[in-house]
Amino acid sequence: MDVLSALVIPLLLTLAAELAVAWCFGFRTSTQYFAITAINLITNPVLNFILLLYGYVTSSSMPFIGIALLEVIVVLPEYLLLTFSLPQLKKSRAFVFVLIANIASFALGLLVLGL
């Protein structure tokens, strides 16, 4: 898999999963979808670049626990960016959304990419 595919495919899967979760949470405005998309355009490539770098340095895939830990670490900046982008959103609802959206994204990545 080339670098572009390693960054674009996971990003598209993440957007599909997280926007679907957003719809389930009742998000309906273009502002909400734009915020979620923009946040993932920042965090997802960084996370996947770290995975690529790990693979380059170690010549192996990051262990499952490492990938899961990176997903957990991503929750905080995504939560902060979401509450900044959508200040009318209750903080507790934003946190639950980000947590569930990242679990869905991680699960979809496991199913499709076999991480």
Protein backbone atom coordinates (compact mmCIF):
# COMPACT_ATOMS: atom_id res chain seq x y z
CA MET A 1 0.00 0.00 0.00
CA ASP A 2 1.48 3.34 -0.98
CA VAL A 3 1.56 6.36 1.31
CA LEU A 4 -1.41 8.05 -0.34
CA SER A 5 -3.60 4.97 -0.02
CA ALA A 6 -2.43 4.47 3.56
CA LEU A 7 -3.67 7.97 4.39
CA VAL A 8 -6.72 8.38 2.11
CA ILE A 9 -8.49 5.04 2.62
CA PRO A 10 -8.46 5.23 6.44
CA LEU A 11 -9.60 8.87 6.25
CA LEU A 12 -12.55 7.98 4.01
CA LEU A 13 -13.51 5.08 6.30
CA THR A 14 -13.27 7.34 9.33
CA LEU A 15 -15.42 10.02 7.72
CA ALA A 16 -18.04 7.44 6.73
CA ALA A 17 -18.18 6.00 10.24
CA GLU A 18 -18.10 9.27 12.15
CA LEU A 19 -20.61 11.06 9.93
CA ALA A 20 -22.96 8.08 10.26
CA VAL A 21 -22.62 8.28 14.04
CA ALA A 22 -23.25 12.03 13.83
CA TRP A 23 -26.47 11.36 11.95
CA CYS A 24 -27.49 8.85 14.65
CA PHE A 25 -26.79 11.53 17.26
CA GLY A 26 -29.21 13.85 15.49
CA PHE A 27 -26.66 16.11 13.86
CA ARG A 28 -28.28 17.55 10.76
CA THR A 29 -26.67 20.89 9.91
CA SER A 30 -23.95 21.45 7.38
CA THR A 31 -22.00 23.31 10.09
CA GLN A 32 -21.97 20.19 12.26
CA TYR A 33 -20.91 17.93 9.41
CA PHE A 34 -18.28 20.42 8.30
CA ALA A 35 -16.83 20.60 11.85
CA ILE A 36 -16.66 16.81 12.14
CA THR A 37 -15.07 16.51 8.70
CA ALA A 38 -12.54 19.29 9.35
CA ILE A 39 -11.54 17.81 12.70
CA ASN A 40 -10.96 14.41 11.11
CA LEU A 41 -8.97 16.00 8.29
CA ILE A 42 -6.58 17.11 11.04
CA THR A 43 -6.48 14.14 13.41
CA ASN A 44 -6.82 11.14 11.10
CA PRO A 45 -3.84 11.83 8.82
CA VAL A 46 -1.66 12.50 11.87
CA LEU A 47 -2.66 9.20 13.44
CA ASN A 48 -2.11 7.28 10.20
CA PHE A 49 1.21 9.01 9.57
CA ILE A 50 2.34 7.81 13.01
CA LEU A 51 1.33 4.27 12.01
CA LEU A 52 3.25 4.58 8.73
CA LEU A 53 6.30 5.97 10.51
CA TYR A 54 6.20 3.14 13.05
CA GLY A 55 6.05 0.62 10.20
CA TYR A 56 8.95 2.31 8.41
CA VAL A 57 11.15 2.47 11.51
CA THR A 58 10.39 -1.02 12.81
CA SER A 59 9.59 -2.81 9.52
CA SER A 60 6.47 -4.18 11.18
CA SER A 61 2.90 -3.19 11.89
CA MET A 62 2.08 -1.53 15.15
CA PRO A 63 0.56 -4.01 17.62
CA PHE A 64 -3.21 -3.85 18.11
CA ILE A 65 -2.80 -2.36 21.59
CA GLY A 66 -0.69 0.48 20.19
CA ILE A 67 -3.30 1.32 17.56
CA ALA A 68 -6.04 1.20 20.19
CA LEU A 69 -4.00 3.50 22.44
CA LEU A 70 -3.54 6.01 19.61
CA GLU A 71 -7.31 5.98 19.06
CA VAL A 72 -7.85 6.73 22.75
CA ILE A 73 -5.34 9.57 22.60
CA VAL A 74 -7.17 11.10 19.60
CA VAL A 75 -10.40 11.41 21.60
CA LEU A 76 -9.18 14.39 23.67
CA PRO A 77 -8.09 16.69 20.84
CA GLU A 78 -11.19 15.78 18.82
CA TYR A 79 -13.39 16.56 21.81
CA LEU A 80 -11.65 19.90 22.38
CA LEU A 81 -11.87 20.83 18.70
CA LEU A 82 -15.54 19.83 18.55
CA THR A 83 -16.52 21.85 21.61
CA PHE A 84 -14.61 24.82 20.18
CA SER A 85 -16.22 24.43 16.74
CA LEU A 86 -19.73 23.81 18.04
CA PRO A 87 -19.97 25.76 21.31
CA GLN A 88 -23.74 25.24 21.52
CA LEU A 89 -23.20 21.48 21.84
CA LYS A 90 -23.32 20.27 25.44
CA LYS A 91 -19.86 19.15 26.54
CA SER A 92 -21.09 15.80 27.85
CA ARG A 93 -22.89 15.08 24.56
CA ALA A 94 -19.81 16.11 22.57
CA PHE A 95 -17.62 13.75 24.60
CA VAL A 96 -19.99 10.79 24.21
CA PHE A 97 -20.27 11.50 20.48
CA VAL A 98 -16.50 11.66 19.99
CA LEU A 99 -16.00 8.48 21.99
CA ILE A 100 -18.65 6.50 20.10
CA ALA A 101 -17.59 7.95 16.73
CA ASN A 102 -14.00 6.86 17.34
CA ILE A 103 -15.07 3.40 18.46
CA ALA A 104 -17.15 3.08 15.27
CA SER A 105 -14.27 4.33 13.14
CA PHE A 106 -11.82 1.94 14.80
CA ALA A 107 -14.23 -0.99 14.38
CA LEU A 108 -14.80 -0.18 10.70
CA GLY A 109 -11.03 0.01 10.18
CA LEU A 110 -10.65 -3.41 11.79
CA LEU A 111 -13.36 -4.89 9.56
CA VAL A 112 -12.22 -3.35 6.29
CA LEU A 113 -8.47 -3.05 6.71
CA GLY A 114 -7.88 -5.89 9.14
CA LEU A 115 -5.79 -3.78 11.46
